[in-house]
Amino acid sequence: MTNPAAAGAYPQGIKLGVDVGTVRVGVAICDRDSILATPYKTLDRNARKNSDVRVIANLVEELGAVQVIVGLPRTLKGEERASAKMAVDYARLLAGELAARAVDVPVNLVDERLSSVTAHRNLHEAGMSSRNHRKVVDQVAAAGILQHAIDMQKARGADVGSRVTPPPPSVDLGGSGQNDTVRAAPGETAQSSDNGRQQ
């Protein structure tokens, strides 16, 4: 589930930016003064074990991050499709992992239209061959997402995007000897009418 970020103060300090793809996840970081976002690392997406989600949660703890910004890919018309649903689901997984560790760090979804396109263009302009883009484009896109978010926070004097609430813990129904679980249905989900993003 997601809720609009509350107006007013926003987290101050190190923040992480995350660009979610079906194959890779880019991660970026900003300084303690939230001035400049820089590419940090690229993770392989493991949708079965979610080991990449745990790596990001580890980074939050190790770096003392105060917020995670996850890019929400919308179409140019502002529509949310399959790739947006993937980002929402990923953000909820991350929020759930942080909650399970009793780490009170907000995860916000922020509009990231054209972040990957911009990242490819920036790498091309920097003289990097297209063949080498794949190694770093996801973390460059994550830096673009994070930079956009921290710039908006400063300009508005308020938090931006939608804060993600973690899924509720599984409830053991008992009685059958099986580990039956009940989970709340996702709140804000996206329409799934495109082919997602292959990154």
Protein backbone atom coordinates (compact mmCIF):
# COMPACT_ATOMS: atom_id res chain seq x y z
CA MET A 1 0.00 0.00 0.00
CA THR A 2 1.14 3.54 -0.56
CA ASN A 3 0.12 6.84 0.98
CA PRO A 4 0.92 10.35 -0.19
CA ALA A 5 3.99 11.67 1.61
CA ALA A 6 3.03 13.98 4.43
CA ALA A 7 3.66 17.66 3.88
CA GLY A 8 6.20 19.35 6.11
CA ALA A 9 9.60 18.14 7.18
CA TYR A 10 11.36 15.48 5.19
CA PRO A 11 14.21 13.14 6.20
CA GLN A 12 17.65 14.76 6.33
CA GLY A 13 20.76 12.71 5.70
CA ILE A 14 22.03 9.91 3.46
CA LYS A 15 19.40 8.54 1.09
CA LEU A 16 19.32 5.66 -1.36
CA GLY A 17 17.81 5.72 -4.83
CA VAL A 18 16.59 2.48 -6.43
CA ASP A 19 15.83 1.76 -10.09
CA VAL A 20 13.97 -1.56 -10.40
CA GLY A 21 14.24 -3.71 -13.50
CA THR A 22 13.31 -7.31 -14.24
CA VAL A 23 16.96 -8.33 -14.54
CA ARG A 24 18.94 -5.74 -12.58
CA VAL A 25 18.40 -3.21 -9.80
CA GLY A 26 20.39 0.00 -9.76
CA VAL A 27 21.30 1.67 -6.48
CA ALA A 28 22.48 5.24 -5.91
CA ILE A 29 23.44 7.21 -2.81
CA CYS A 30 23.54 10.86 -1.81
CA ASP A 31 25.70 12.67 0.72
CA ARG A 32 24.54 13.61 4.24
CA ASP A 33 23.54 17.08 3.05
CA SER A 34 21.42 15.60 0.23
CA ILE A 35 23.16 17.72 -2.39
CA LEU A 36 24.47 15.24 -4.92
CA ALA A 37 23.28 11.77 -5.88
CA THR A 38 25.92 9.40 -7.25
CA PRO A 39 25.72 5.90 -8.77
CA TYR A 40 26.59 3.25 -6.19
CA LYS A 41 26.10 -0.31 -7.44
CA THR A 42 24.09 -2.65 -9.64
CA LEU A 43 22.48 -5.76 -8.21
CA ASP A 44 21.14 -8.82 -10.00
CA ARG A 45 17.39 -9.07 -9.46
CA ASN A 46 16.49 -12.32 -7.70
CA ALA A 47 12.69 -12.46 -7.72
CA ARG A 48 12.64 -15.94 -6.15
CA LYS A 49 14.83 -15.37 -3.09
CA ASN A 50 14.80 -11.53 -3.02
CA SER A 51 18.46 -11.54 -1.99
CA ASP A 52 18.84 -8.12 -3.66
CA VAL A 53 16.14 -6.70 -1.37
CA ARG A 54 18.14 -7.88 1.63
CA VAL A 55 21.31 -6.32 0.21
CA ILE A 56 19.57 -2.93 -0.02
CA ALA A 57 18.23 -3.32 3.54
CA ASN A 58 21.80 -4.10 4.65
CA LEU A 59 23.01 -0.93 2.92
CA VAL A 60 20.35 1.12 4.70
CA GLU A 61 21.64 -0.15 8.04
CA GLU A 62 25.35 0.04 7.20
CA LEU A 63 25.21 3.54 5.72
CA GLY A 64 22.74 4.92 8.22
CA ALA A 65 20.37 5.93 5.41
CA VAL A 66 17.31 7.94 6.41
CA GLN A 67 15.15 7.26 3.34
CA VAL A 68 14.90 5.06 0.25
CA ILE A 69 13.52 6.48 -2.99
CA VAL A 70 12.22 3.89 -5.47
CA GLY A 71 11.49 5.02 -9.01
CA LEU A 72 7.90 4.58 -10.19
CA PRO A 73 7.93 4.31 -14.00
CA ARG A 74 4.92 5.93 -15.59
CA THR A 75 4.13 6.40 -19.26
CA LEU A 76 4.41 9.87 -20.80
CA LYS A 77 0.66 10.17 -20.20
CA GLY A 78 1.16 9.46 -16.51
CA GLU A 79 -0.31 5.95 -16.65
CA GLU A 80 0.94 3.11 -14.46
CA ARG A 81 1.38 -0.25 -16.15
CA ALA A 82 3.22 -3.54 -15.52
CA SER A 83 6.61 -1.95 -14.85
CA ALA A 84 5.00 0.40 -12.32
CA LYS A 85 3.34 -2.55 -10.54
CA MET A 86 6.74 -4.24 -10.40
CA ALA A 87 8.23 -1.13 -8.74
CA VAL A 88 5.34 -0.92 -6.25
CA ASP A 89 5.70 -4.60 -5.34
CA TYR A 90 9.46 -4.22 -4.96
CA ALA A 91 9.09 -1.15 -2.74
CA ARG A 92 6.63 -3.05 -0.53
CA LEU A 93 9.08 -5.97 -0.24
CA LEU A 94 11.82 -3.56 0.81
CA ALA A 95 9.56 -1.78 3.29
CA GLY A 96 8.60 -5.17 4.72
CA GLU A 97 12.24 -6.23 5.05
CA LEU A 98 13.11 -3.01 6.88
CA ALA A 99 10.08 -3.37 9.16
CA ALA A 100 11.06 -6.96 9.97
CA ARG A 101 14.43 -5.63 11.11
CA ALA A 102 12.73 -2.89 13.16
CA VAL A 103 14.42 -0.29 10.96
CA ASP A 104 12.16 2.77 10.78
CA VAL A 105 13.29 4.17 7.43
CA PRO A 106 10.64 5.36 4.94
CA VAL A 107 10.46 3.93 1.43
CA ASN A 108 8.91 6.38 -1.04
CA LEU A 109 7.82 5.85 -4.63
CA VAL A 110 8.66 8.82 -6.87
CA ASP A 111 7.76 9.36 -10.54
CA GLU A 112 10.73 8.42 -12.73
CA ARG A 113 9.54 8.93 -16.29
CA LEU A 114 12.41 8.59 -18.79
CA SER A 115 15.11 7.99 -16.16
CA SER A 116 16.62 5.07 -18.10
CA VAL A 117 16.47 7.00 -21.38
CA THR A 118 18.23 9.93 -19.72
CA ALA A 119 20.84 7.62 -18.19
CA HIS A 120 21.67 6.09 -21.58
CA ARG A 121 21.95 9.56 -23.13
CA ASN A 122 24.23 10.81 -20.33
CA LEU A 123 26.51 7.78 -20.68
CA HIS A 124 26.67 8.27 -24.45
CA GLU A 125 27.53 11.95 -24.01
CA ALA A 126 30.23 10.96 -21.52
CA GLY A 127 31.86 8.90 -24.25
CA MET A 128 30.97 5.42 -23.02
CA SER A 129 30.26 2.89 -25.73
CA SER A 130 26.75 1.47 -25.88
CA ARG A 131 28.22 -1.98 -25.28
CA ASN A 132 29.37 -0.92 -21.82
CA HIS A 133 26.16 0.88 -20.83
CA ARG A 134 24.57 -2.25 -19.38
CA LYS A 135 27.16 -2.45 -16.58
CA VAL A 136 26.27 0.94 -15.10
CA VAL A 137 23.07 2.29 -16.66
CA ASP A 138 20.83 1.03 -13.84
CA GLN A 139 22.83 2.76 -11.12
CA VAL A 140 23.05 5.93 -13.24
CA ALA A 141 19.25 5.81 -13.63
CA ALA A 142 18.94 5.34 -9.85
CA ALA A 143 21.11 8.43 -9.33
CA GLY A 144 18.82 10.39 -11.63
CA ILE A 145 15.76 9.25 -9.67
CA LEU A 146 17.38 10.18 -6.35
CA GLN A 147 18.67 13.54 -7.58
CA HIS A 148 15.20 14.45 -8.86
CA ALA A 149 13.67 13.53 -5.49
CA ILE A 150 16.14 15.43 -3.29
CA ASP A 151 15.92 18.49 -5.56
CA MET A 152 12.12 18.45 -5.27
CA GLN A 153 12.28 18.04 -1.49
CA LYS A 154 14.44 21.14 -1.20
CA ALA A 155 12.34 23.15 -3.63
CA ARG A 156 9.06 22.28 -1.90
CA GLY A 157 10.33 22.10 1.66
CA ALA A 158 8.34 18.88 1.99
CA ASP A 159 8.64 15.19 1.31
CA VAL A 160 7.77 13.91 -2.15
CA GLY A 161 6.22 10.83 -3.68
CA SER A 162 4.13 8.21 -1.90
CA ARG A 163 5.34 6.41 1.20
CA VAL A 164 5.02 2.66 0.96
CA THR A 165 3.56 0.68 3.84
CA PRO A 166 4.93 -2.84 4.31
CA PRO A 167 2.65 -5.82 3.82
CA PRO A 168 1.22 -7.14 7.10
CA PRO A 169 3.01 -10.12 8.65
CA SER A 170 1.72 -13.55 7.75
CA VAL A 171 -0.88 -14.93 10.13
CA ASP A 172 -0.63 -18.61 11.01
CA LEU A 173 -4.17 -20.00 10.95
CA GLY A 174 -3.06 -23.22 12.68
CA GLY A 175 -5.12 -26.34 13.08
CA SER A 176 -4.15 -28.03 9.84
CA GLY A 177 -0.48 -28.52 10.53
CA GLN A 178 0.22 -26.44 7.44
CA ASN A 179 1.59 -22.96 7.39
CA ASP A 180 -1.46 -21.26 5.89
CA THR A 181 -1.10 -17.50 5.69
CA VAL A 182 -3.35 -14.53 5.21
CA ARG A 183 -2.07 -11.35 3.60
CA ALA A 184 -3.87 -8.12 2.91
CA ALA A 185 -4.47 -7.37 -0.74
CA PRO A 186 -2.08 -4.75 -2.14
CA GLY A 187 -3.53 -1.26 -1.90
CA GLU A 188 -2.21 0.83 -4.73
CA THR A 189 -1.39 -1.44 -7.62
CA ALA A 190 -0.75 -0.61 -11.22
CA GLN A 191 -2.49 -1.75 -14.35
CA SER A 192 -0.51 -4.47 -16.10
CA SER A 193 -0.97 -3.80 -19.78
CA ASP A 194 2.59 -3.37 -21.01
CA ASN A 195 5.50 -5.74 -21.25
CA GLY A 196 7.47 -4.46 -18.25
CA ARG A 197 11.05 -3.32 -18.45
CA GLN A 198 13.96 -5.44 -19.51
CA GLN A 199 17.06 -3.84 -18.04
